[in-house]
Structures are given as structure tokens and as C-alpha cells.
Amino acid sequence: MKNTLSYKGFTSRVEFDADDNIFVGRVLGVRDIIGFHGETVSELTTDFHNAIDHYLNVCRERGETPQKPYSGNLMLRVPQEVHAAVAMAAEAHGKSLNQWAANVLKEAADAR
């Protein structure tokens, strides 16, 4: 079961707060804190959409560029033997290291 919502390129993590009997969420990958909540999935989804729309409107009014959740660039430091092993795995699959790593990371993220 996934506990995320996505809207306009933003992704959030959703949890259930048993003390208040509500769903609460927070947008991932941006420094600004963007939170939302709802008693039902429908309310939660609507509040999430409203929170993103509000964030984008505030950015526009201030003349600021909204924070992008992620740039698409990922720098990793790994031991030499790991680098060599993944480079050979990529080559064995007929892919560049970037292509191979992107596929492996996507599969791992989709499996969560």
C-alpha cells in the first residue's frame, strides 16, 4: 500500500493520526513546509491540491520560482569496487552507467 499523493509534479507522504482521527500529509523534496490534512481521503486529496495551488500562487505573487522537488542530478560516492561492479553490470546490459543506475533506482523506488 502506497502512502503518497502526487499533484503538479509534487509528491507528498500521508500518515494517519490516530489521536486526532485525521489523515495528515507533507510535501516531500522542498525546503518550504507544505502540509495538509483531511478526515476522509477525498478531503485529504482536496486539501493537498489546494495546498499546492496556494504555494504556486504565493510564489507567483512574490515573483519567486517555486522550488523544484528534485533536479534530476544525483551524485553518489561509492567504494571503488562497487563502482567497478556497477559499471560492468551496466556494460553487460548494453547501457550507460547512468541509464542502468536510473533503471535500478526506479525499480527499487517502485517496489517500496
N, C-alpha and C. Protein backbone atom coordinates (compact mmCIF):
# COMPACT_ATOMS: atom_id res chain seq x y z
N MET A 1 0.84 -1.17 0.00
CA MET A 1 0.00 0.00 0.00
C MET A 1 0.89 1.24 0.00
N LYS A 2 0.66 2.13 -0.93
CA LYS A 2 1.43 3.36 -1.01
C LYS A 2 0.78 4.41 -0.12
N ASN A 3 1.60 5.24 0.46
CA ASN A 3 1.08 6.31 1.30
C ASN A 3 1.56 7.65 0.77
N THR A 4 1.45 7.81 -0.56
CA THR A 4 1.85 9.06 -1.20
C THR A 4 0.74 9.57 -2.10
N LEU A 5 0.75 10.87 -2.32
CA LEU A 5 -0.11 11.52 -3.29
C LEU A 5 0.77 12.38 -4.18
N SER A 6 0.41 12.52 -5.45
CA SER A 6 1.16 13.38 -6.37
C SER A 6 0.21 14.32 -7.08
N TYR A 7 0.70 15.56 -7.31
CA TYR A 7 -0.10 16.58 -7.98
C TYR A 7 0.85 17.64 -8.51
N LYS A 8 0.72 17.96 -9.80
CA LYS A 8 1.51 19.01 -10.45
C LYS A 8 3.01 18.85 -10.22
N GLY A 9 3.48 17.61 -10.21
CA GLY A 9 4.90 17.34 -10.05
C GLY A 9 5.40 17.30 -8.62
N PHE A 10 4.51 17.49 -7.65
CA PHE A 10 4.87 17.42 -6.23
C PHE A 10 4.34 16.12 -5.64
N THR A 11 5.12 15.53 -4.75
CA THR A 11 4.73 14.28 -4.10
C THR A 11 4.69 14.51 -2.61
N SER A 12 3.73 13.86 -1.96
CA SER A 12 3.60 14.01 -0.51
C SER A 12 3.55 12.65 0.16
N ARG A 13 3.89 12.65 1.42
CA ARG A 13 3.77 11.45 2.26
C ARG A 13 2.55 11.65 3.14
N VAL A 14 1.72 10.62 3.26
CA VAL A 14 0.49 10.69 4.04
C VAL A 14 0.54 9.68 5.18
N GLU A 15 0.09 10.11 6.35
CA GLU A 15 0.00 9.22 7.51
C GLU A 15 -1.35 9.43 8.17
N PHE A 16 -1.73 8.48 8.99
CA PHE A 16 -2.97 8.60 9.75
C PHE A 16 -2.62 8.97 11.18
N ASP A 17 -3.23 10.03 11.69
CA ASP A 17 -3.03 10.48 13.07
C ASP A 17 -4.19 9.93 13.90
N ALA A 18 -3.93 8.85 14.63
CA ALA A 18 -4.98 8.20 15.41
C ALA A 18 -5.47 9.07 16.57
N ASP A 19 -4.61 9.94 17.09
CA ASP A 19 -5.03 10.82 18.19
C ASP A 19 -6.11 11.80 17.75
N ASP A 20 -5.93 12.37 16.55
CA ASP A 20 -6.89 13.35 16.04
C ASP A 20 -7.87 12.75 15.04
N ASN A 21 -7.67 11.47 14.71
CA ASN A 21 -8.54 10.77 13.77
C ASN A 21 -8.61 11.46 12.40
N ILE A 22 -7.43 11.86 11.89
CA ILE A 22 -7.35 12.50 10.58
C ILE A 22 -6.13 11.97 9.82
N PHE A 23 -6.18 12.16 8.53
CA PHE A 23 -5.02 11.91 7.67
C PHE A 23 -4.24 13.21 7.61
N VAL A 24 -2.92 13.12 7.69
CA VAL A 24 -2.06 14.30 7.56
C VAL A 24 -1.00 14.02 6.52
N GLY A 25 -0.61 15.06 5.80
CA GLY A 25 0.39 14.88 4.77
C GLY A 25 1.36 16.04 4.75
N ARG A 26 2.52 15.77 4.15
CA ARG A 26 3.54 16.79 3.98
C ARG A 26 4.20 16.57 2.63
N VAL A 27 4.42 17.66 1.91
CA VAL A 27 5.05 17.59 0.59
C VAL A 27 6.54 17.29 0.78
N LEU A 28 7.03 16.36 -0.02
CA LEU A 28 8.41 15.91 0.05
C LEU A 28 9.29 16.65 -0.96
N GLY A 29 10.55 16.80 -0.61
CA GLY A 29 11.54 17.27 -1.57
C GLY A 29 11.64 18.76 -1.74
N VAL A 30 10.96 19.56 -0.93
CA VAL A 30 11.11 21.02 -0.98
C VAL A 30 11.42 21.52 0.43
N ARG A 31 12.20 22.59 0.51
CA ARG A 31 12.57 23.13 1.82
C ARG A 31 11.38 23.77 2.52
N ASP A 32 10.50 24.42 1.76
CA ASP A 32 9.31 25.02 2.36
C ASP A 32 8.43 23.92 2.95
N ILE A 33 7.83 24.20 4.08
CA ILE A 33 6.94 23.21 4.70
C ILE A 33 5.55 23.40 4.12
N ILE A 34 5.08 22.39 3.42
CA ILE A 34 3.74 22.40 2.84
C ILE A 34 3.00 21.21 3.41
N GLY A 35 2.06 21.48 4.31
CA GLY A 35 1.30 20.43 4.96
C GLY A 35 -0.18 20.53 4.63
N PHE A 36 -0.90 19.45 4.89
CA PHE A 36 -2.34 19.40 4.62
C PHE A 36 -2.94 18.27 5.43
N HIS A 37 -4.27 18.25 5.51
CA HIS A 37 -4.93 17.19 6.27
C HIS A 37 -6.38 17.02 5.81
N GLY A 38 -7.01 15.96 6.28
CA GLY A 38 -8.41 15.71 5.98
C GLY A 38 -8.92 14.52 6.77
N GLU A 39 -10.21 14.54 7.04
CA GLU A 39 -10.82 13.41 7.76
C GLU A 39 -11.12 12.24 6.84
N THR A 40 -11.26 12.52 5.56
CA THR A 40 -11.50 11.47 4.57
C THR A 40 -10.44 11.56 3.47
N VAL A 41 -10.34 10.54 2.67
CA VAL A 41 -9.39 10.57 1.56
C VAL A 41 -9.74 11.70 0.61
N SER A 42 -11.02 11.91 0.37
CA SER A 42 -11.46 12.99 -0.51
C SER A 42 -11.06 14.36 0.05
N GLU A 43 -11.28 14.58 1.34
CA GLU A 43 -10.87 15.84 1.97
C GLU A 43 -9.35 16.00 1.92
N LEU A 44 -8.64 14.93 2.18
CA LEU A 44 -7.18 14.95 2.16
C LEU A 44 -6.67 15.34 0.78
N THR A 45 -7.21 14.71 -0.25
CA THR A 45 -6.78 14.99 -1.62
C THR A 45 -7.09 16.43 -2.01
N THR A 46 -8.28 16.89 -1.66
CA THR A 46 -8.66 18.28 -1.97
C THR A 46 -7.74 19.26 -1.26
N ASP A 47 -7.44 19.01 0.03
CA ASP A 47 -6.57 19.92 0.77
C ASP A 47 -5.15 19.89 0.21
N PHE A 48 -4.69 18.73 -0.24
CA PHE A 48 -3.37 18.62 -0.87
C PHE A 48 -3.33 19.47 -2.13
N HIS A 49 -4.31 19.33 -2.98
CA HIS A 49 -4.36 20.12 -4.22
C HIS A 49 -4.42 21.61 -3.89
N ASN A 50 -5.23 21.98 -2.90
CA ASN A 50 -5.33 23.39 -2.51
C ASN A 50 -4.00 23.91 -1.96
N ALA A 51 -3.29 23.08 -1.20
CA ALA A 51 -2.00 23.49 -0.63
C ALA A 51 -0.98 23.74 -1.74
N ILE A 52 -0.94 22.88 -2.74
CA ILE A 52 0.00 23.06 -3.86
C ILE A 52 -0.39 24.29 -4.66
N ASP A 53 -1.67 24.44 -4.97
CA ASP A 53 -2.13 25.61 -5.73
C ASP A 53 -1.81 26.90 -4.97
N HIS A 54 -2.01 26.89 -3.66
CA HIS A 54 -1.72 28.06 -2.84
C HIS A 54 -0.22 28.36 -2.88
N TYR A 55 0.61 27.35 -2.72
CA TYR A 55 2.06 27.52 -2.78
C TYR A 55 2.48 28.14 -4.11
N LEU A 56 1.96 27.61 -5.20
CA LEU A 56 2.32 28.13 -6.52
C LEU A 56 1.84 29.57 -6.70
N ASN A 57 0.65 29.89 -6.20
CA ASN A 57 0.13 31.26 -6.28
C ASN A 57 0.97 32.23 -5.46
N VAL A 58 1.36 31.84 -4.24
CA VAL A 58 2.20 32.70 -3.41
C VAL A 58 3.54 32.94 -4.09
N CYS A 59 4.13 31.91 -4.66
CA CYS A 59 5.40 32.07 -5.38
C CYS A 59 5.22 33.06 -6.54
N ARG A 60 4.14 32.91 -7.28
CA ARG A 60 3.88 33.78 -8.43
C ARG A 60 3.70 35.23 -7.96
N GLU A 61 2.92 35.43 -6.88
CA GLU A 61 2.69 36.78 -6.35
C GLU A 61 3.99 37.44 -5.88
N ARG A 62 4.90 36.66 -5.33
CA ARG A 62 6.17 37.18 -4.82
C ARG A 62 7.23 37.28 -5.91
N GLY A 63 6.93 36.77 -7.08
CA GLY A 63 7.90 36.77 -8.16
C GLY A 63 9.02 35.76 -7.94
N GLU A 64 8.73 34.73 -7.14
CA GLU A 64 9.71 33.69 -6.84
C GLU A 64 9.48 32.46 -7.70
N THR A 65 10.54 31.74 -7.95
CA THR A 65 10.41 30.48 -8.66
C THR A 65 10.10 29.39 -7.63
N PRO A 66 9.03 28.62 -7.83
CA PRO A 66 8.73 27.53 -6.89
C PRO A 66 9.90 26.55 -6.82
N GLN A 67 10.13 26.03 -5.64
CA GLN A 67 11.19 25.04 -5.50
C GLN A 67 10.81 23.80 -6.29
N LYS A 68 11.74 23.29 -7.02
CA LYS A 68 11.52 22.05 -7.75
C LYS A 68 11.80 20.91 -6.79
N PRO A 69 10.93 19.90 -6.79
CA PRO A 69 11.18 18.79 -5.87
C PRO A 69 12.56 18.16 -6.03
N TYR A 70 13.00 17.93 -7.26
CA TYR A 70 14.33 17.34 -7.48
C TYR A 70 14.82 17.76 -8.84
N SER A 71 16.13 17.89 -8.97
CA SER A 71 16.72 18.40 -10.21
C SER A 71 16.90 17.32 -11.28
N GLY A 72 17.01 16.07 -10.85
CA GLY A 72 17.32 15.00 -11.79
C GLY A 72 18.79 14.64 -11.78
N ASN A 73 19.60 15.40 -11.05
CA ASN A 73 21.02 15.09 -10.90
C ASN A 73 21.23 14.44 -9.54
N LEU A 74 21.98 13.35 -9.54
CA LEU A 74 22.24 12.61 -8.31
C LEU A 74 23.72 12.27 -8.26
N MET A 75 24.40 12.76 -7.23
CA MET A 75 25.84 12.49 -7.07
C MET A 75 25.99 11.45 -5.97
N LEU A 76 26.65 10.35 -6.28
CA LEU A 76 26.87 9.30 -5.29
C LEU A 76 28.36 9.07 -5.11
N ARG A 77 28.74 8.76 -3.88
CA ARG A 77 30.11 8.34 -3.60
C ARG A 77 30.02 6.88 -3.14
N VAL A 78 30.69 6.02 -3.86
CA VAL A 78 30.67 4.59 -3.53
C VAL A 78 32.10 4.07 -3.54
N PRO A 79 32.35 2.97 -2.86
CA PRO A 79 33.69 2.38 -2.91
C PRO A 79 34.06 1.99 -4.35
N GLN A 80 35.36 1.99 -4.65
CA GLN A 80 35.84 1.67 -5.99
C GLN A 80 35.31 0.34 -6.50
N GLU A 81 35.28 -0.67 -5.61
CA GLU A 81 34.83 -1.98 -6.06
C GLU A 81 33.34 -1.98 -6.44
N VAL A 82 32.55 -1.17 -5.76
CA VAL A 82 31.13 -1.04 -6.12
C VAL A 82 31.01 -0.33 -7.46
N HIS A 83 31.79 0.73 -7.66
CA HIS A 83 31.77 1.46 -8.92
C HIS A 83 32.12 0.52 -10.08
N ALA A 84 33.17 -0.27 -9.88
CA ALA A 84 33.59 -1.21 -10.93
C ALA A 84 32.50 -2.24 -11.21
N ALA A 85 31.89 -2.76 -10.16
CA ALA A 85 30.85 -3.79 -10.33
C ALA A 85 29.64 -3.25 -11.07
N VAL A 86 29.19 -2.04 -10.72
CA VAL A 86 28.00 -1.50 -11.39
C VAL A 86 28.33 -1.07 -12.81
N ALA A 87 29.54 -0.59 -13.05
CA ALA A 87 29.94 -0.24 -14.42
C ALA A 87 29.92 -1.48 -15.30
N MET A 88 30.41 -2.61 -14.78
CA MET A 88 30.40 -3.87 -15.55
C MET A 88 28.96 -4.37 -15.75
N ALA A 89 28.12 -4.23 -14.74
CA ALA A 89 26.72 -4.64 -14.87
C ALA A 89 26.03 -3.82 -15.95
N ALA A 90 26.28 -2.51 -15.96
CA ALA A 90 25.68 -1.64 -16.98
C ALA A 90 26.15 -2.05 -18.37
N GLU A 91 27.45 -2.28 -18.49
CA GLU A 91 28.02 -2.68 -19.78
C GLU A 91 27.43 -4.02 -20.23
N ALA A 92 27.27 -4.95 -19.30
CA ALA A 92 26.70 -6.25 -19.64
C ALA A 92 25.26 -6.13 -20.13
N HIS A 93 24.56 -5.10 -19.68
CA HIS A 93 23.18 -4.86 -20.13
C HIS A 93 23.12 -3.94 -21.34
N GLY A 94 24.28 -3.56 -21.87
CA GLY A 94 24.31 -2.70 -23.05
C GLY A 94 23.84 -1.29 -22.78
N LYS A 95 24.03 -0.81 -21.54
CA LYS A 95 23.57 0.52 -21.16
C LYS A 95 24.71 1.33 -20.58
N SER A 96 24.53 2.65 -20.61
CA SER A 96 25.49 3.51 -19.91
C SER A 96 25.26 3.33 -18.41
N LEU A 97 26.23 3.73 -17.64
CA LEU A 97 26.10 3.64 -16.19
C LEU A 97 24.90 4.46 -15.72
N ASN A 98 24.69 5.65 -16.29
CA ASN A 98 23.54 6.48 -15.93
C ASN A 98 22.23 5.76 -16.24
N GLN A 99 22.10 5.21 -17.43
CA GLN A 99 20.86 4.51 -17.82
C GLN A 99 20.60 3.32 -16.89
N TRP A 100 21.63 2.54 -16.66
CA TRP A 100 21.49 1.35 -15.82
C TRP A 100 21.10 1.74 -14.40
N ALA A 101 21.81 2.70 -13.82
CA ALA A 101 21.54 3.13 -12.45
C ALA A 101 20.14 3.72 -12.33
N ALA A 102 19.73 4.52 -13.30
CA ALA A 102 18.39 5.10 -13.27
C ALA A 102 17.32 4.00 -13.27
N ASN A 103 17.52 2.96 -14.08
CA ASN A 103 16.57 1.85 -14.12
C ASN A 103 16.52 1.10 -12.79
N VAL A 104 17.70 0.81 -12.23
CA VAL A 104 17.77 0.09 -10.96
C VAL A 104 17.12 0.91 -9.85
N LEU A 105 17.41 2.21 -9.80
CA LEU A 105 16.83 3.06 -8.76
C LEU A 105 15.32 3.18 -8.92
N LYS A 106 14.84 3.28 -10.15
CA LYS A 106 13.39 3.37 -10.39
C LYS A 106 12.69 2.08 -9.94
N GLU A 107 13.28 0.93 -10.30
CA GLU A 107 12.69 -0.35 -9.88
C GLU A 107 12.65 -0.45 -8.37
N ALA A 108 13.70 -0.01 -7.70
CA ALA A 108 13.74 -0.07 -6.23
C ALA A 108 12.69 0.86 -5.63
N ALA A 109 12.55 2.06 -6.20
CA ALA A 109 11.56 3.01 -5.67
C ALA A 109 10.14 2.52 -5.93
N ASP A 110 9.91 1.90 -7.09
CA ASP A 110 8.56 1.39 -7.42
C ASP A 110 8.19 0.21 -6.53
N ALA A 111 9.18 -0.52 -6.03
CA ALA A 111 8.92 -1.71 -5.20
C ALA A 111 8.58 -1.36 -3.77
N ARG A 112 8.77 -0.12 -3.38
CA ARG A 112 8.52 0.26 -1.97
C ARG A 112 7.11 0.18 -1.59
